[in-house]
Amino acid sequence: MPSLHPLHFLLLAVTGWANRQQAEAIAYLVAENRTLRGGLPKRVPLTNPERIRLAELGKRLGRKVLKELASIGTPDTILGWYRKHVAAKYD
């Protein structure tokens, strides 16, 4: 088995630390979003640019991740906004 070069080890350590930091930041933001959503009305009015932005980001995440994270709408709603946005481009 080849030995690990010290620079490779350092790179692996930094990458692991960065991934852990990102995962902790995401977990915090999810918890914060859910807390803030608790104080808002059932339906939050959104502008079309806000829907488009959420739809584009949601499409990249996919239905499975949206199911875990989305609190402003269901995955079906968010992906529906995306389909409408794409369809509007070709009208």
N, C-alpha and C. Protein backbone atom coordinates (compact mmCIF):
# COMPACT_ATOMS: atom_id res chain seq x y z
N MET A 1 0.85 -1.17 0.00
CA MET A 1 0.00 0.00 0.00
C MET A 1 0.89 1.24 0.00
N PRO A 2 0.68 2.16 -0.94
CA PRO A 2 1.54 3.35 -1.00
C PRO A 2 1.29 4.25 0.21
N SER A 3 2.36 4.91 0.64
CA SER A 3 2.22 5.82 1.79
C SER A 3 1.59 7.13 1.33
N LEU A 4 0.94 7.79 2.26
CA LEU A 4 0.25 9.04 1.98
C LEU A 4 1.24 10.19 2.12
N HIS A 5 1.39 10.96 1.08
CA HIS A 5 2.27 12.12 1.09
C HIS A 5 1.74 13.12 2.12
N PRO A 6 2.59 13.79 2.87
CA PRO A 6 2.12 14.74 3.89
C PRO A 6 1.19 15.81 3.33
N LEU A 7 1.43 16.25 2.11
CA LEU A 7 0.57 17.27 1.50
C LEU A 7 -0.82 16.70 1.22
N HIS A 8 -0.88 15.45 0.82
CA HIS A 8 -2.18 14.80 0.60
C HIS A 8 -2.95 14.70 1.90
N PHE A 9 -2.24 14.33 2.97
CA PHE A 9 -2.88 14.22 4.27
C PHE A 9 -3.45 15.57 4.70
N LEU A 10 -2.67 16.63 4.52
CA LEU A 10 -3.12 17.97 4.88
C LEU A 10 -4.34 18.38 4.06
N LEU A 11 -4.32 18.07 2.78
CA LEU A 11 -5.45 18.38 1.90
C LEU A 11 -6.70 17.62 2.33
N LEU A 12 -6.56 16.36 2.67
CA LEU A 12 -7.70 15.57 3.16
C LEU A 12 -8.25 16.14 4.46
N ALA A 13 -7.38 16.55 5.35
CA ALA A 13 -7.82 17.11 6.63
C ALA A 13 -8.58 18.41 6.43
N VAL A 14 -8.08 19.28 5.58
CA VAL A 14 -8.75 20.57 5.32
C VAL A 14 -10.08 20.34 4.62
N THR A 15 -10.13 19.42 3.68
CA THR A 15 -11.37 19.11 2.97
C THR A 15 -12.42 18.56 3.93
N GLY A 16 -12.02 17.66 4.80
CA GLY A 16 -12.94 17.10 5.78
C GLY A 16 -13.48 18.17 6.71
N TRP A 17 -12.62 19.08 7.15
CA TRP A 17 -13.04 20.18 8.02
C TRP A 17 -14.04 21.07 7.30
N ALA A 18 -13.77 21.41 6.02
CA ALA A 18 -14.67 22.28 5.26
C ALA A 18 -16.03 21.61 5.06
N ASN A 19 -16.03 20.31 4.75
CA ASN A 19 -17.31 19.60 4.58
C ASN A 19 -18.11 19.59 5.88
N ARG A 20 -17.44 19.38 6.98
CA ARG A 20 -18.10 19.36 8.28
C ARG A 20 -18.67 20.74 8.60
N GLN A 21 -17.91 21.80 8.30
CA GLN A 21 -18.38 23.17 8.53
C GLN A 21 -19.62 23.46 7.68
N GLN A 22 -19.61 23.04 6.43
CA GLN A 22 -20.75 23.27 5.55
C GLN A 22 -21.97 22.51 6.05
N ALA A 23 -21.80 21.27 6.47
CA ALA A 23 -22.92 20.48 6.96
C ALA A 23 -23.51 21.10 8.22
N GLU A 24 -22.66 21.61 9.11
CA GLU A 24 -23.15 22.26 10.32
C GLU A 24 -23.87 23.56 10.00
N ALA A 25 -23.36 24.33 9.03
CA ALA A 25 -24.01 25.58 8.62
C ALA A 25 -25.38 25.30 8.02
N ILE A 26 -25.47 24.28 7.20
CA ILE A 26 -26.76 23.91 6.58
C ILE A 26 -27.75 23.46 7.65
N ALA A 27 -27.30 22.66 8.60
CA ALA A 27 -28.18 22.21 9.67
C ALA A 27 -28.70 23.39 10.48
N TYR A 28 -27.83 24.35 10.76
CA TYR A 28 -28.25 25.54 11.48
C TYR A 28 -29.28 26.33 10.69
N LEU A 29 -29.02 26.56 9.40
CA LEU A 29 -29.94 27.34 8.58
C LEU A 29 -31.30 26.66 8.43
N VAL A 30 -31.32 25.34 8.34
CA VAL A 30 -32.59 24.60 8.27
C VAL A 30 -33.36 24.82 9.56
N ALA A 31 -32.70 24.69 10.70
CA ALA A 31 -33.37 24.89 11.99
C ALA A 31 -33.85 26.33 12.13
N GLU A 32 -33.04 27.28 11.72
CA GLU A 32 -33.43 28.68 11.79
C GLU A 32 -34.64 28.97 10.90
N ASN A 33 -34.63 28.43 9.69
CA ASN A 33 -35.77 28.60 8.77
C ASN A 33 -37.05 28.06 9.38
N ARG A 34 -36.98 26.88 9.95
CA ARG A 34 -38.18 26.28 10.54
C ARG A 34 -38.68 27.11 11.72
N THR A 35 -37.77 27.65 12.51
CA THR A 35 -38.15 28.50 13.63
C THR A 35 -38.83 29.77 13.13
N LEU A 36 -38.24 30.41 12.14
CA LEU A 36 -38.81 31.65 11.60
C LEU A 36 -40.16 31.39 10.92
N ARG A 37 -40.27 30.26 10.21
CA ARG A 37 -41.53 29.93 9.55
C ARG A 37 -42.66 29.74 10.56
N GLY A 38 -42.34 29.34 11.77
CA GLY A 38 -43.35 29.16 12.79
C GLY A 38 -44.09 30.45 13.14
N GLY A 39 -43.44 31.59 12.96
CA GLY A 39 -44.05 32.87 13.27
C GLY A 39 -44.71 33.56 12.09
N LEU A 40 -44.69 32.93 10.95
CA LEU A 40 -45.27 33.53 9.74
C LEU A 40 -46.66 32.97 9.47
N PRO A 41 -47.44 33.69 8.65
CA PRO A 41 -48.75 33.15 8.27
C PRO A 41 -48.59 31.86 7.47
N LYS A 42 -49.68 31.11 7.36
CA LYS A 42 -49.67 29.82 6.65
C LYS A 42 -49.11 29.97 5.23
N ARG A 43 -49.60 30.97 4.51
CA ARG A 43 -49.12 31.21 3.14
C ARG A 43 -48.31 32.50 3.11
N VAL A 44 -47.11 32.41 2.62
CA VAL A 44 -46.25 33.58 2.50
C VAL A 44 -46.33 34.08 1.05
N PRO A 45 -46.74 35.34 0.86
CA PRO A 45 -46.82 35.84 -0.52
C PRO A 45 -45.42 36.01 -1.11
N LEU A 46 -45.23 35.49 -2.31
CA LEU A 46 -43.95 35.59 -2.99
C LEU A 46 -44.12 36.32 -4.31
N THR A 47 -43.10 37.04 -4.70
CA THR A 47 -43.11 37.68 -6.02
C THR A 47 -42.68 36.64 -7.05
N ASN A 48 -42.93 36.92 -8.32
CA ASN A 48 -42.50 35.99 -9.37
C ASN A 48 -40.99 35.77 -9.37
N PRO A 49 -40.17 36.84 -9.24
CA PRO A 49 -38.72 36.60 -9.19
C PRO A 49 -38.31 35.71 -8.01
N GLU A 50 -38.98 35.84 -6.87
CA GLU A 50 -38.68 34.97 -5.72
C GLU A 50 -39.04 33.52 -6.03
N ARG A 51 -40.20 33.31 -6.66
CA ARG A 51 -40.60 31.95 -7.04
C ARG A 51 -39.61 31.35 -8.03
N ILE A 52 -39.20 32.14 -9.00
CA ILE A 52 -38.27 31.66 -10.02
C ILE A 52 -36.95 31.25 -9.37
N ARG A 53 -36.43 32.09 -8.48
CA ARG A 53 -35.16 31.79 -7.83
C ARG A 53 -35.25 30.50 -7.00
N LEU A 54 -36.32 30.38 -6.21
CA LEU A 54 -36.51 29.16 -5.42
C LEU A 54 -36.70 27.94 -6.32
N ALA A 55 -37.42 28.12 -7.42
CA ALA A 55 -37.66 27.01 -8.35
C ALA A 55 -36.35 26.53 -8.98
N GLU A 56 -35.52 27.48 -9.41
CA GLU A 56 -34.25 27.09 -10.05
C GLU A 56 -33.34 26.38 -9.05
N LEU A 57 -33.26 26.89 -7.84
CA LEU A 57 -32.43 26.23 -6.82
C LEU A 57 -33.02 24.88 -6.42
N GLY A 58 -34.34 24.83 -6.30
CA GLY A 58 -35.01 23.59 -5.92
C GLY A 58 -34.84 22.50 -6.97
N LYS A 59 -34.88 22.89 -8.24
CA LYS A 59 -34.70 21.92 -9.33
C LYS A 59 -33.32 21.27 -9.23
N ARG A 60 -32.31 22.08 -8.92
CA ARG A 60 -30.95 21.55 -8.79
C ARG A 60 -30.84 20.56 -7.62
N LEU A 61 -31.58 20.84 -6.54
CA LEU A 61 -31.52 19.96 -5.38
C LEU A 61 -32.25 18.64 -5.61
N GLY A 62 -33.37 18.71 -6.31
CA GLY A 62 -34.16 17.51 -6.57
C GLY A 62 -35.23 17.29 -5.52
N ARG A 63 -36.19 16.48 -5.86
CA ARG A 63 -37.36 16.23 -5.02
C ARG A 63 -37.00 15.66 -3.65
N LYS A 64 -36.07 14.72 -3.62
CA LYS A 64 -35.72 14.05 -2.36
C LYS A 64 -35.16 15.05 -1.34
N VAL A 65 -34.24 15.90 -1.77
CA VAL A 65 -33.64 16.88 -0.87
C VAL A 65 -34.67 17.96 -0.51
N LEU A 66 -35.47 18.37 -1.48
CA LEU A 66 -36.52 19.36 -1.20
C LEU A 66 -37.48 18.86 -0.12
N LYS A 67 -37.77 17.58 -0.17
CA LYS A 67 -38.68 17.00 0.82
C LYS A 67 -38.13 17.18 2.23
N GLU A 68 -36.81 17.12 2.37
CA GLU A 68 -36.16 17.29 3.66
C GLU A 68 -36.05 18.76 4.07
N LEU A 69 -35.82 19.65 3.09
CA LEU A 69 -35.47 21.03 3.41
C LEU A 69 -36.59 22.05 3.25
N ALA A 70 -37.39 21.91 2.23
CA ALA A 70 -38.35 22.97 1.86
C ALA A 70 -39.37 23.21 2.96
N SER A 71 -39.54 24.48 3.30
CA SER A 71 -40.55 24.82 4.29
C SER A 71 -41.53 25.86 3.76
N ILE A 72 -41.24 26.43 2.60
CA ILE A 72 -42.11 27.47 2.04
C ILE A 72 -43.16 26.87 1.10
N GLY A 73 -42.94 25.64 0.71
CA GLY A 73 -43.88 24.93 -0.15
C GLY A 73 -43.47 23.48 -0.26
N THR A 74 -44.34 22.68 -0.82
CA THR A 74 -44.02 21.28 -1.02
C THR A 74 -43.07 21.13 -2.20
N PRO A 75 -42.37 20.01 -2.30
CA PRO A 75 -41.55 19.79 -3.49
C PRO A 75 -42.37 19.90 -4.78
N ASP A 76 -43.61 19.38 -4.76
CA ASP A 76 -44.46 19.48 -5.96
C ASP A 76 -44.72 20.92 -6.35
N THR A 77 -44.95 21.77 -5.36
CA THR A 77 -45.21 23.19 -5.62
C THR A 77 -43.97 23.85 -6.21
N ILE A 78 -42.83 23.64 -5.59
CA ILE A 78 -41.59 24.29 -6.04
C ILE A 78 -41.19 23.80 -7.42
N LEU A 79 -41.30 22.50 -7.67
CA LEU A 79 -40.96 21.98 -8.99
C LEU A 79 -42.01 22.39 -10.02
N GLY A 80 -43.24 22.60 -9.59
CA GLY A 80 -44.27 23.13 -10.49
C GLY A 80 -43.93 24.55 -10.92
N TRP A 81 -43.42 25.36 -10.00
CA TRP A 81 -42.97 26.72 -10.36
C TRP A 81 -41.89 26.64 -11.42
N TYR A 82 -41.00 25.66 -11.28
CA TYR A 82 -39.92 25.51 -12.25
C TYR A 82 -40.47 25.15 -13.63
N ARG A 83 -41.41 24.20 -13.66
CA ARG A 83 -42.00 23.80 -14.96
C ARG A 83 -42.70 24.99 -15.62
N LYS A 84 -43.42 25.79 -14.84
CA LYS A 84 -44.10 26.97 -15.39
C LYS A 84 -43.09 27.98 -15.90
N HIS A 85 -42.00 28.16 -15.17
CA HIS A 85 -40.95 29.09 -15.59
C HIS A 85 -40.32 28.66 -16.91
N VAL A 86 -40.01 27.38 -17.02
CA VAL A 86 -39.42 26.87 -18.26
C VAL A 86 -40.41 26.98 -19.42
N ALA A 87 -41.67 26.64 -19.17
CA ALA A 87 -42.69 26.72 -20.21
C ALA A 87 -42.88 28.16 -20.68
N ALA A 88 -42.79 29.12 -19.76
CA ALA A 88 -42.98 30.53 -20.10
C ALA A 88 -41.86 31.03 -21.02
N LYS A 89 -40.68 30.43 -20.93
CA LYS A 89 -39.57 30.82 -21.80
C LYS A 89 -39.89 30.55 -23.26
N TYR A 90 -40.71 29.51 -23.50
CA TYR A 90 -40.96 29.08 -24.87
C TYR A 90 -42.30 29.55 -25.40
N ASP A 91 -43.02 30.35 -24.62
CA ASP A 91 -44.30 30.90 -25.09
C ASP A 91 -44.10 32.19 -25.84
